[in-house]
Amino acid sequence: MAPQMDLRKEILKEHSKTQAHKLADYVGDSTSRFKQLVDVYLAGPYRVTQRSAWPLGIIAEHHPDLIIPHLKKLIDFLSKPGIHDSVKRNTMRILQFIDIPKKNYGQVTELCFEYLQSRKEPIAVKVFSMTVLSKIIKDEPDLRNELKMIIEDQMPYATGAFTSRGRKVLKEIDMVSKGTVKRSL
């Protein structure tokens, strides 16, 4: 077993891909180490939160089940006023890798639509919000028309990244409408 690591201290050492993967490898699929990383992420300050988001995202992609016990805290964190764009971006990126429990749909949907409709949000936050919403509409088809309308309204003025993701999400919406996409369990 690897020796105990002070995650906060390691996070502050450097901000690099190598360091992010080193931290992700250390945490692995350990629930206790993952909890420690989430706690560091939520405690801040901003630089610590920003740097810990990268390994969190890597771990969430490979072990999405580790996020679920901490999901409410992460969503509540997004709801704080004045939260930095990188926190929104990285948390929304994490959410795209997991099957969000239905009990969290309301709060997540509200945040995603808020980000998607805001003129102030960076494109990455909007794009990840679109992806999260595209997963939710598989279980909540009543939301698909609202999502479709918002995407179509922004497409003529959007960046390439938004347009590319928008086309994919619109295609998924059409597939859900036709019943060719399976709903989540």
N, C-alpha and C. Protein backbone atom coordinates (compact mmCIF):
# COMPACT_ATOMS: atom_id res chain seq x y z
N MET A 1 0.84 -1.18 0.00
CA MET A 1 0.00 0.00 0.00
C MET A 1 0.89 1.25 0.00
N ALA A 2 0.48 2.23 -0.78
CA ALA A 2 1.25 3.47 -0.90
C ALA A 2 1.24 4.23 0.43
N PRO A 3 2.36 4.91 0.74
CA PRO A 3 2.40 5.69 1.98
C PRO A 3 1.37 6.81 1.95
N GLN A 4 0.95 7.23 3.13
CA GLN A 4 -0.06 8.29 3.27
C GLN A 4 0.46 9.58 2.63
N MET A 5 -0.40 10.26 1.90
CA MET A 5 -0.03 11.48 1.21
C MET A 5 -0.88 12.63 1.76
N ASP A 6 -0.26 13.77 1.95
CA ASP A 6 -1.00 14.98 2.31
C ASP A 6 -1.51 15.59 1.01
N LEU A 7 -2.78 15.33 0.71
CA LEU A 7 -3.33 15.74 -0.58
C LEU A 7 -3.24 17.24 -0.81
N ARG A 8 -3.55 18.01 0.19
CA ARG A 8 -3.52 19.48 0.05
C ARG A 8 -2.11 19.95 -0.30
N LYS A 9 -1.13 19.41 0.40
CA LYS A 9 0.26 19.79 0.16
C LYS A 9 0.69 19.38 -1.25
N GLU A 10 0.30 18.19 -1.66
CA GLU A 10 0.65 17.70 -3.01
C GLU A 10 -0.03 18.54 -4.09
N ILE A 11 -1.27 18.93 -3.84
CA ILE A 11 -2.02 19.75 -4.80
C ILE A 11 -1.32 21.10 -5.01
N LEU A 12 -0.78 21.65 -3.94
CA LEU A 12 -0.13 22.96 -4.01
C LEU A 12 1.28 22.90 -4.62
N LYS A 13 1.85 21.72 -4.71
CA LYS A 13 3.21 21.60 -5.26
C LYS A 13 3.30 22.11 -6.69
N GLU A 14 2.40 21.65 -7.52
CA GLU A 14 2.41 22.07 -8.92
C GLU A 14 1.06 21.77 -9.55
N HIS A 15 0.79 22.49 -10.63
CA HIS A 15 -0.45 22.29 -11.38
C HIS A 15 -0.06 21.79 -12.76
N SER A 16 -0.09 20.48 -12.92
CA SER A 16 0.31 19.88 -14.19
C SER A 16 -0.47 18.59 -14.41
N LYS A 17 -0.43 18.14 -15.63
CA LYS A 17 -1.08 16.88 -15.97
C LYS A 17 -0.44 15.73 -15.19
N THR A 18 0.87 15.75 -15.10
CA THR A 18 1.58 14.70 -14.38
C THR A 18 1.14 14.65 -12.91
N GLN A 19 1.06 15.82 -12.30
CA GLN A 19 0.65 15.89 -10.89
C GLN A 19 -0.81 15.44 -10.72
N ALA A 20 -1.68 15.86 -11.63
CA ALA A 20 -3.09 15.46 -11.56
C ALA A 20 -3.23 13.94 -11.64
N HIS A 21 -2.48 13.33 -12.53
CA HIS A 21 -2.53 11.87 -12.66
C HIS A 21 -1.88 11.17 -11.46
N LYS A 22 -0.84 11.76 -10.92
CA LYS A 22 -0.21 11.21 -9.72
C LYS A 22 -1.22 11.16 -8.57
N LEU A 23 -1.95 12.26 -8.39
CA LEU A 23 -2.96 12.32 -7.33
C LEU A 23 -4.11 11.36 -7.61
N ALA A 24 -4.54 11.29 -8.85
CA ALA A 24 -5.62 10.37 -9.23
C ALA A 24 -5.21 8.93 -8.99
N ASP A 25 -3.97 8.61 -9.34
CA ASP A 25 -3.46 7.24 -9.11
C ASP A 25 -3.39 6.93 -7.62
N TYR A 26 -2.97 7.90 -6.83
CA TYR A 26 -2.90 7.70 -5.38
C TYR A 26 -4.29 7.42 -4.80
N VAL A 27 -5.28 8.20 -5.22
CA VAL A 27 -6.64 8.02 -4.71
C VAL A 27 -7.23 6.73 -5.25
N GLY A 28 -7.04 6.47 -6.55
CA GLY A 28 -7.55 5.25 -7.17
C GLY A 28 -9.04 5.08 -6.94
N ASP A 29 -9.42 3.91 -6.44
CA ASP A 29 -10.84 3.66 -6.17
C ASP A 29 -11.12 3.62 -4.66
N SER A 30 -10.23 4.21 -3.89
CA SER A 30 -10.38 4.25 -2.44
C SER A 30 -11.44 5.28 -2.03
N THR A 31 -12.47 4.82 -1.36
CA THR A 31 -13.52 5.75 -0.93
C THR A 31 -13.02 6.73 0.11
N SER A 32 -12.14 6.30 1.01
CA SER A 32 -11.65 7.21 2.04
C SER A 32 -10.72 8.28 1.44
N ARG A 33 -9.86 7.89 0.51
CA ARG A 33 -8.98 8.87 -0.12
C ARG A 33 -9.78 9.82 -1.01
N PHE A 34 -10.79 9.28 -1.65
CA PHE A 34 -11.63 10.14 -2.50
C PHE A 34 -12.36 11.17 -1.63
N LYS A 35 -12.85 10.74 -0.49
CA LYS A 35 -13.51 11.67 0.44
C LYS A 35 -12.54 12.78 0.85
N GLN A 36 -11.29 12.40 1.13
CA GLN A 36 -10.28 13.39 1.50
C GLN A 36 -10.09 14.41 0.37
N LEU A 37 -10.04 13.93 -0.87
CA LEU A 37 -9.86 14.81 -2.01
C LEU A 37 -11.06 15.74 -2.18
N VAL A 38 -12.26 15.21 -2.01
CA VAL A 38 -13.46 16.05 -2.09
C VAL A 38 -13.43 17.10 -0.99
N ASP A 39 -13.05 16.71 0.20
CA ASP A 39 -12.97 17.66 1.31
C ASP A 39 -11.97 18.79 1.02
N VAL A 40 -10.83 18.44 0.44
CA VAL A 40 -9.83 19.44 0.06
C VAL A 40 -10.41 20.37 -1.00
N TYR A 41 -11.08 19.79 -1.98
CA TYR A 41 -11.72 20.55 -3.07
C TYR A 41 -12.71 21.57 -2.51
N LEU A 42 -13.54 21.14 -1.58
CA LEU A 42 -14.59 22.00 -1.04
C LEU A 42 -14.06 23.03 -0.05
N ALA A 43 -12.94 22.72 0.61
CA ALA A 43 -12.40 23.61 1.63
C ALA A 43 -11.70 24.83 1.05
N GLY A 44 -11.17 24.68 -0.18
CA GLY A 44 -10.48 25.81 -0.80
C GLY A 44 -9.15 26.07 -0.13
N PRO A 45 -8.60 27.26 -0.32
CA PRO A 45 -9.11 28.38 -1.11
C PRO A 45 -9.13 28.07 -2.61
N TYR A 46 -9.42 29.10 -3.38
CA TYR A 46 -9.64 28.94 -4.81
C TYR A 46 -8.55 28.11 -5.50
N ARG A 47 -7.29 28.43 -5.26
CA ARG A 47 -6.19 27.72 -5.94
C ARG A 47 -6.23 26.22 -5.63
N VAL A 48 -6.50 25.86 -4.40
CA VAL A 48 -6.58 24.45 -4.01
C VAL A 48 -7.78 23.79 -4.70
N THR A 49 -8.90 24.48 -4.71
CA THR A 49 -10.10 23.95 -5.36
C THR A 49 -9.83 23.75 -6.85
N GLN A 50 -9.25 24.73 -7.48
CA GLN A 50 -8.96 24.65 -8.91
C GLN A 50 -8.03 23.47 -9.22
N ARG A 51 -6.98 23.33 -8.46
CA ARG A 51 -6.01 22.28 -8.73
C ARG A 51 -6.54 20.89 -8.38
N SER A 52 -7.38 20.79 -7.38
CA SER A 52 -7.91 19.48 -7.01
C SER A 52 -9.01 19.02 -7.95
N ALA A 53 -9.57 19.95 -8.71
CA ALA A 53 -10.64 19.59 -9.66
C ALA A 53 -10.14 18.65 -10.75
N TRP A 54 -8.92 18.82 -11.17
CA TRP A 54 -8.39 18.00 -12.26
C TRP A 54 -8.30 16.53 -11.85
N PRO A 55 -7.64 16.19 -10.75
CA PRO A 55 -7.65 14.77 -10.36
C PRO A 55 -9.05 14.26 -10.02
N LEU A 56 -9.91 15.12 -9.46
CA LEU A 56 -11.29 14.70 -9.20
C LEU A 56 -11.97 14.26 -10.49
N GLY A 57 -11.78 15.05 -11.54
CA GLY A 57 -12.38 14.73 -12.84
C GLY A 57 -11.85 13.43 -13.41
N ILE A 58 -10.55 13.22 -13.28
CA ILE A 58 -9.94 11.98 -13.78
C ILE A 58 -10.54 10.78 -13.06
N ILE A 59 -10.64 10.90 -11.74
CA ILE A 59 -11.17 9.79 -10.94
C ILE A 59 -12.65 9.56 -11.26
N ALA A 60 -13.41 10.64 -11.38
CA ALA A 60 -14.84 10.52 -11.68
C ALA A 60 -15.07 9.82 -13.02
N GLU A 61 -14.19 10.07 -13.96
CA GLU A 61 -14.31 9.44 -15.27
C GLU A 61 -14.10 7.92 -15.17
N HIS A 62 -13.17 7.49 -14.33
CA HIS A 62 -12.85 6.07 -14.21
C HIS A 62 -13.63 5.35 -13.12
N HIS A 63 -14.04 6.09 -12.09
CA HIS A 63 -14.77 5.50 -10.96
C HIS A 63 -15.96 6.40 -10.59
N PRO A 64 -16.93 6.52 -11.50
CA PRO A 64 -18.04 7.46 -11.27
C PRO A 64 -18.85 7.17 -10.01
N ASP A 65 -18.82 5.93 -9.55
CA ASP A 65 -19.56 5.56 -8.34
C ASP A 65 -19.02 6.26 -7.09
N LEU A 66 -17.76 6.68 -7.12
CA LEU A 66 -17.18 7.36 -5.95
C LEU A 66 -17.80 8.73 -5.71
N ILE A 67 -18.32 9.35 -6.75
CA ILE A 67 -18.89 10.70 -6.64
C ILE A 67 -20.22 10.70 -5.89
N ILE A 68 -21.02 9.68 -6.09
CA ILE A 68 -22.41 9.68 -5.62
C ILE A 68 -22.55 10.05 -4.14
N PRO A 69 -21.76 9.51 -3.22
CA PRO A 69 -21.93 9.90 -1.81
C PRO A 69 -21.63 11.39 -1.54
N HIS A 70 -20.94 12.04 -2.47
CA HIS A 70 -20.53 13.44 -2.28
C HIS A 70 -21.28 14.39 -3.20
N LEU A 71 -22.21 13.84 -3.97
CA LEU A 71 -22.88 14.62 -5.00
C LEU A 71 -23.63 15.82 -4.45
N LYS A 72 -24.37 15.63 -3.39
CA LYS A 72 -25.14 16.73 -2.81
C LYS A 72 -24.23 17.88 -2.39
N LYS A 73 -23.10 17.56 -1.77
CA LYS A 73 -22.15 18.60 -1.36
C LYS A 73 -21.59 19.35 -2.57
N LEU A 74 -21.28 18.61 -3.63
CA LEU A 74 -20.74 19.24 -4.84
C LEU A 74 -21.77 20.15 -5.50
N ILE A 75 -23.00 19.68 -5.56
CA ILE A 75 -24.08 20.49 -6.17
C ILE A 75 -24.34 21.73 -5.32
N ASP A 76 -24.39 21.56 -4.02
CA ASP A 76 -24.59 22.72 -3.12
C ASP A 76 -23.44 23.72 -3.28
N PHE A 77 -22.23 23.21 -3.46
CA PHE A 77 -21.07 24.07 -3.65
C PHE A 77 -21.23 24.93 -4.90
N LEU A 78 -21.78 24.33 -5.96
CA LEU A 78 -22.04 25.08 -7.19
C LEU A 78 -23.06 26.20 -6.99
N SER A 79 -23.93 26.01 -6.03
CA SER A 79 -25.01 26.98 -5.79
C SER A 79 -24.55 28.19 -4.98
N LYS A 80 -23.32 28.16 -4.47
CA LYS A 80 -22.82 29.28 -3.68
C LYS A 80 -22.65 30.50 -4.58
N PRO A 81 -23.02 31.68 -4.09
CA PRO A 81 -22.82 32.88 -4.89
C PRO A 81 -21.33 33.19 -5.06
N GLY A 82 -20.98 33.71 -6.24
CA GLY A 82 -19.61 34.13 -6.50
C GLY A 82 -18.63 33.01 -6.76
N ILE A 83 -19.13 31.82 -7.03
CA ILE A 83 -18.25 30.68 -7.27
C ILE A 83 -17.45 30.93 -8.56
N HIS A 84 -16.20 30.57 -8.56
CA HIS A 84 -15.32 30.83 -9.71
C HIS A 84 -15.71 29.95 -10.90
N ASP A 85 -15.50 30.48 -12.10
CA ASP A 85 -15.84 29.75 -13.33
C ASP A 85 -15.16 28.39 -13.42
N SER A 86 -13.93 28.29 -12.95
CA SER A 86 -13.22 27.01 -13.04
C SER A 86 -13.88 25.94 -12.16
N VAL A 87 -14.46 26.36 -11.05
CA VAL A 87 -15.18 25.42 -10.19
C VAL A 87 -16.43 24.92 -10.90
N LYS A 88 -17.15 25.84 -11.52
CA LYS A 88 -18.35 25.46 -12.29
C LYS A 88 -17.96 24.51 -13.41
N ARG A 89 -16.96 24.90 -14.16
CA ARG A 89 -16.53 24.10 -15.31
C ARG A 89 -16.12 22.69 -14.88
N ASN A 90 -15.28 22.61 -13.87
CA ASN A 90 -14.79 21.30 -13.46
C ASN A 90 -15.86 20.44 -12.80
N THR A 91 -16.73 21.05 -12.03
CA THR A 91 -17.80 20.28 -11.40
C THR A 91 -18.79 19.79 -12.45
N MET A 92 -19.14 20.65 -13.41
CA MET A 92 -20.05 20.21 -14.47
C MET A 92 -19.39 19.12 -15.32
N ARG A 93 -18.09 19.23 -15.52
CA ARG A 93 -17.38 18.18 -16.25
C ARG A 93 -17.49 16.85 -15.51
N ILE A 94 -17.33 16.89 -14.20
CA ILE A 94 -17.46 15.69 -13.38
C ILE A 94 -18.87 15.10 -13.51
N LEU A 95 -19.89 15.97 -13.47
CA LEU A 95 -21.27 15.50 -13.53
C LEU A 95 -21.61 14.79 -14.84
N GLN A 96 -20.89 15.12 -15.90
CA GLN A 96 -21.19 14.48 -17.18
C GLN A 96 -20.77 13.01 -17.20
N PHE A 97 -19.92 12.60 -16.25
CA PHE A 97 -19.43 11.23 -16.22
C PHE A 97 -20.29 10.29 -15.38
N ILE A 98 -21.24 10.83 -14.65
CA ILE A 98 -21.99 9.98 -13.72
C ILE A 98 -23.47 9.90 -14.11
N ASP A 99 -24.12 8.87 -13.59
CA ASP A 99 -25.57 8.79 -13.69
C ASP A 99 -26.11 9.49 -12.46
N ILE A 100 -26.63 10.67 -12.67
CA ILE A 100 -27.12 11.49 -11.56
C ILE A 100 -28.39 10.84 -11.00
N PRO A 101 -28.44 10.61 -9.70
CA PRO A 101 -29.66 10.05 -9.11
C PRO A 101 -30.86 10.99 -9.33
N LYS A 102 -32.00 10.40 -9.53
CA LYS A 102 -33.21 11.19 -9.81
C LYS A 102 -33.50 12.21 -8.71
N LYS A 103 -33.15 11.90 -7.47
CA LYS A 103 -33.43 12.84 -6.38
C LYS A 103 -32.66 14.15 -6.54
N ASN A 104 -31.61 14.14 -7.36
CA ASN A 104 -30.80 15.34 -7.59
C ASN A 104 -31.13 16.05 -8.91
N TYR A 105 -32.05 15.49 -9.67
CA TYR A 105 -32.38 16.06 -10.98
C TYR A 105 -32.80 17.53 -10.88
N GLY A 106 -33.65 17.86 -9.93
CA GLY A 106 -34.18 19.22 -9.84
C GLY A 106 -33.09 20.26 -9.71
N GLN A 107 -32.23 20.09 -8.73
CA GLN A 107 -31.17 21.06 -8.47
C GLN A 107 -30.16 21.11 -9.62
N VAL A 108 -29.78 19.95 -10.14
CA VAL A 108 -28.82 19.90 -11.24
C VAL A 108 -29.42 20.52 -12.50
N THR A 109 -30.67 20.19 -12.79
CA THR A 109 -31.33 20.73 -13.97
C THR A 109 -31.42 22.25 -13.89
N GLU A 110 -31.79 22.75 -12.73
CA GLU A 110 -31.89 24.19 -12.54
C GLU A 110 -30.55 24.88 -12.78
N LEU A 111 -29.49 24.34 -12.21
CA LEU A 111 -28.15 24.91 -12.41
C LEU A 111 -27.74 24.86 -13.88
N CYS A 112 -27.96 23.72 -14.52
CA CYS A 112 -27.57 23.57 -15.93
C CYS A 112 -28.30 24.56 -16.83
N PHE A 113 -29.60 24.69 -16.64
CA PHE A 113 -30.36 25.64 -17.46
C PHE A 113 -29.91 27.08 -17.16
N GLU A 114 -29.62 27.37 -15.91
CA GLU A 114 -29.14 28.71 -15.54
C GLU A 114 -27.82 29.00 -16.25
N TYR A 115 -26.89 28.06 -16.22
CA TYR A 115 -25.60 28.25 -16.87
C TYR A 115 -25.77 28.37 -18.38
N LEU A 116 -26.60 27.52 -18.93
CA LEU A 116 -26.77 27.48 -20.38
C LEU A 116 -27.38 28.78 -20.91
N GLN A 117 -28.26 29.39 -20.14
CA GLN A 117 -28.94 30.60 -20.60
C GLN A 117 -28.18 31.89 -20.27
N SER A 118 -27.21 31.80 -19.40
CA SER A 118 -26.47 32.99 -18.98
C SER A 118 -25.53 33.49 -20.09
N ARG A 119 -25.51 34.77 -20.29
CA ARG A 119 -24.59 35.37 -21.27
C ARG A 119 -23.18 35.47 -20.67
N LYS A 120 -23.07 35.34 -19.35
CA LYS A 120 -21.79 35.53 -18.67
C LYS A 120 -20.98 34.24 -18.53
N GLU A 121 -21.63 33.11 -18.65
CA GLU A 121 -20.93 31.84 -18.42
C GLU A 121 -19.97 31.51 -19.55
N PRO A 122 -18.80 30.99 -19.22
CA PRO A 122 -17.86 30.56 -20.25
C PRO A 122 -18.45 29.40 -21.06
N ILE A 123 -17.97 29.27 -22.27
CA ILE A 123 -18.48 28.24 -23.18
C ILE A 123 -18.33 26.84 -22.59
N ALA A 124 -17.22 26.55 -21.94
CA ALA A 124 -17.01 25.21 -21.38
C ALA A 124 -18.09 24.86 -20.36
N VAL A 125 -18.49 25.81 -19.53
CA VAL A 125 -19.55 25.57 -18.54
C VAL A 125 -20.85 25.27 -19.26
N LYS A 126 -21.14 26.02 -20.31
CA LYS A 126 -22.37 25.80 -21.09
C LYS A 126 -22.35 24.43 -21.78
N VAL A 127 -21.22 24.08 -22.35
CA VAL A 127 -21.11 22.82 -23.08
C VAL A 127 -21.28 21.63 -22.13
N PHE A 128 -20.62 21.67 -20.99
CA PHE A 128 -20.78 20.58 -20.03
C PHE A 128 -22.21 20.53 -19.49
N SER A 129 -22.82 21.69 -19.31
CA SER A 129 -24.22 21.74 -18.86
C SER A 129 -25.14 21.09 -19.88
N MET A 130 -24.88 21.33 -21.15
CA MET A 130 -25.66 20.70 -22.21
C MET A 130 -25.57 19.18 -22.13
N THR A 131 -24.36 18.69 -21.92
CA THR A 131 -24.15 17.24 -21.84
C THR A 131 -24.89 16.64 -20.65
N VAL A 132 -24.80 17.30 -19.51
CA VAL A 132 -25.51 16.81 -18.31
C VAL A 132 -27.01 16.80 -18.56
N LEU A 133 -27.52 17.87 -19.14
CA LEU A 133 -28.97 17.94 -19.43
C LEU A 133 -29.39 16.87 -20.45
N SER A 134 -28.52 16.58 -21.42
CA SER A 134 -28.87 15.57 -22.42
C SER A 134 -29.03 14.19 -21.78
N LYS A 135 -28.31 13.95 -20.69
CA LYS A 135 -28.47 12.69 -19.96
C LYS A 135 -29.78 12.68 -19.16
N ILE A 136 -30.08 13.82 -18.55
CA ILE A 136 -31.28 13.91 -17.72
C ILE A 136 -32.55 13.79 -18.56
N ILE A 137 -32.57 14.34 -19.77
CA ILE A 137 -33.80 14.31 -20.58
C ILE A 137 -34.18 12.90 -21.02
N LYS A 138 -33.25 11.97 -20.90
CA LYS A 138 -33.59 10.58 -21.22
C LYS A 138 -34.61 10.04 -20.22
N ASP A 139 -34.57 10.57 -18.99
CA ASP A 139 -35.53 10.19 -17.95
C ASP A 139 -36.62 11.25 -17.77
N GLU A 140 -36.35 12.45 -18.21
CA GLU A 140 -37.29 13.57 -18.04
C GLU A 140 -37.56 14.21 -19.40
N PRO A 141 -38.29 13.50 -20.27
CA PRO A 141 -38.50 14.00 -21.64
C PRO A 141 -39.26 15.32 -21.73
N ASP A 142 -39.94 15.71 -20.66
CA ASP A 142 -40.65 16.99 -20.68
C ASP A 142 -39.69 18.17 -20.81
N LEU A 143 -38.44 17.96 -20.48
CA LEU A 143 -37.44 19.03 -20.54
C LEU A 143 -36.83 19.19 -21.93
N ARG A 144 -37.04 18.21 -22.79
CA ARG A 144 -36.33 18.23 -24.08
C ARG A 144 -36.67 19.43 -24.95
N ASN A 145 -37.93 19.87 -24.97
CA ASN A 145 -38.29 21.02 -25.81
C ASN A 145 -37.61 22.29 -25.31
N GLU A 146 -37.54 22.46 -24.00
CA GLU A 146 -36.87 23.63 -23.44
C GLU A 146 -35.39 23.63 -23.79
N LEU A 147 -34.75 22.47 -23.64
CA LEU A 147 -33.33 22.36 -23.97
C LEU A 147 -33.11 22.62 -25.46
N LYS A 148 -33.93 22.03 -26.28
CA LYS A 148 -33.81 22.20 -27.73
C LYS A 148 -33.95 23.67 -28.11
N MET A 149 -34.91 24.35 -27.55
CA MET A 149 -35.15 25.76 -27.86
C MET A 149 -33.95 26.62 -27.46
N ILE A 150 -33.42 26.39 -26.28
CA ILE A 150 -32.28 27.17 -25.79
C ILE A 150 -31.05 26.96 -26.69
N ILE A 151 -30.80 25.72 -27.05
CA ILE A 151 -29.64 25.43 -27.91
C ILE A 151 -29.83 26.07 -29.28
N GLU A 152 -30.99 25.87 -29.87
CA GLU A 152 -31.23 26.43 -31.21
C GLU A 152 -31.17 27.95 -31.22
N ASP A 153 -31.62 28.59 -30.14
CA ASP A 153 -31.56 30.05 -30.06
C ASP A 153 -30.12 30.57 -30.02
N GLN A 154 -29.22 29.81 -29.42
CA GLN A 154 -27.84 30.26 -29.27
C GLN A 154 -26.92 29.84 -30.41
N MET A 155 -27.30 28.82 -31.15
CA MET A 155 -26.43 28.25 -32.20
C MET A 155 -25.97 29.28 -33.23
N PRO A 156 -26.82 30.17 -33.74
CA PRO A 156 -26.35 31.10 -34.78
C PRO A 156 -25.23 32.04 -34.32
N TYR A 157 -25.12 32.26 -33.03
CA TYR A 157 -24.14 33.22 -32.50
C TYR A 157 -23.05 32.54 -31.68
N ALA A 158 -23.05 31.23 -31.67
CA ALA A 158 -22.18 30.47 -30.76
C ALA A 158 -20.82 30.18 -31.35
N THR A 159 -19.92 29.79 -30.46
CA THR A 159 -18.57 29.36 -30.85
C THR A 159 -18.65 27.97 -31.47
N GLY A 160 -17.53 27.55 -32.03
CA GLY A 160 -17.46 26.21 -32.63
C GLY A 160 -17.72 25.11 -31.62
N ALA A 161 -17.19 25.27 -30.41
CA ALA A 161 -17.37 24.24 -29.38
C ALA A 161 -18.84 24.11 -29.00
N PHE A 162 -19.50 25.24 -28.83
CA PHE A 162 -20.93 25.21 -28.48
C PHE A 162 -21.73 24.59 -29.61
N THR A 163 -21.44 25.01 -30.84
CA THR A 163 -22.18 24.52 -32.00
C THR A 163 -21.99 23.01 -32.17
N SER A 164 -20.76 22.56 -32.02
CA SER A 164 -20.47 21.13 -32.16
C SER A 164 -21.25 20.31 -31.12
N ARG A 165 -21.16 20.71 -29.86
CA ARG A 165 -21.86 19.98 -28.81
C ARG A 165 -23.37 20.14 -28.98
N GLY A 166 -23.79 21.34 -29.39
CA GLY A 166 -25.22 21.59 -29.60
C GLY A 166 -25.81 20.66 -30.64
N ARG A 167 -25.09 20.45 -31.72
CA ARG A 167 -25.57 19.52 -32.77
C ARG A 167 -25.72 18.11 -32.23
N LYS A 168 -24.73 17.67 -31.45
CA LYS A 168 -24.79 16.32 -30.86
C LYS A 168 -25.98 16.19 -29.92
N VAL A 169 -26.19 17.19 -29.08
CA VAL A 169 -27.29 17.15 -28.12
C VAL A 169 -28.63 17.22 -28.84
N LEU A 170 -28.73 18.05 -29.87
CA LEU A 170 -29.99 18.12 -30.64
C LEU A 170 -30.30 16.78 -31.29
N LYS A 171 -29.27 16.10 -31.76
CA LYS A 171 -29.45 14.77 -32.35
C LYS A 171 -29.96 13.79 -31.28
N GLU A 172 -29.38 13.87 -30.08
CA GLU A 172 -29.84 13.01 -28.98
C GLU A 172 -31.29 13.32 -28.61
N ILE A 173 -31.64 14.60 -28.60
CA ILE A 173 -33.02 15.00 -28.29
C ILE A 173 -33.98 14.38 -29.31
N ASP A 174 -33.61 14.43 -30.58
CA ASP A 174 -34.44 13.83 -31.62
C ASP A 174 -34.57 12.32 -31.42
N MET A 175 -33.47 11.68 -31.02
CA MET A 175 -33.51 10.23 -30.78
C MET A 175 -34.41 9.90 -29.59
N VAL A 176 -34.33 10.72 -28.53
CA VAL A 176 -35.19 10.51 -27.36
C VAL A 176 -36.65 10.70 -27.78
N SER A 177 -36.91 11.73 -28.59
CA SER A 177 -38.27 12.02 -29.04
C SER A 177 -38.84 10.86 -29.85
N LYS A 178 -37.98 10.20 -30.62
CA LYS A 178 -38.42 9.07 -31.46
C LYS A 178 -38.42 7.76 -30.69
N GLY A 179 -37.90 7.80 -29.44
CA GLY A 179 -37.89 6.59 -28.62
C GLY A 179 -36.78 5.63 -28.98
N THR A 180 -35.72 6.13 -29.63
CA THR A 180 -34.62 5.23 -30.03
C THR A 180 -33.47 5.24 -29.03
N VAL A 181 -33.61 5.98 -27.93
CA VAL A 181 -32.59 6.01 -26.89
C VAL A 181 -33.17 5.40 -25.63
N LYS A 182 -32.43 4.46 -25.04
CA LYS A 182 -32.89 3.84 -23.79
C LYS A 182 -32.78 4.83 -22.64
N ARG A 183 -33.72 4.78 -21.76
CA ARG A 183 -33.70 5.63 -20.57
C ARG A 183 -32.81 4.99 -19.52
N SER A 184 -32.29 5.83 -18.63
CA SER A 184 -31.45 5.33 -17.53
C SER A 184 -32.30 4.51 -16.58
N LEU A 185 -31.65 3.61 -15.86
CA LEU A 185 -32.37 2.80 -14.87
C LEU A 185 -32.51 3.51 -13.57
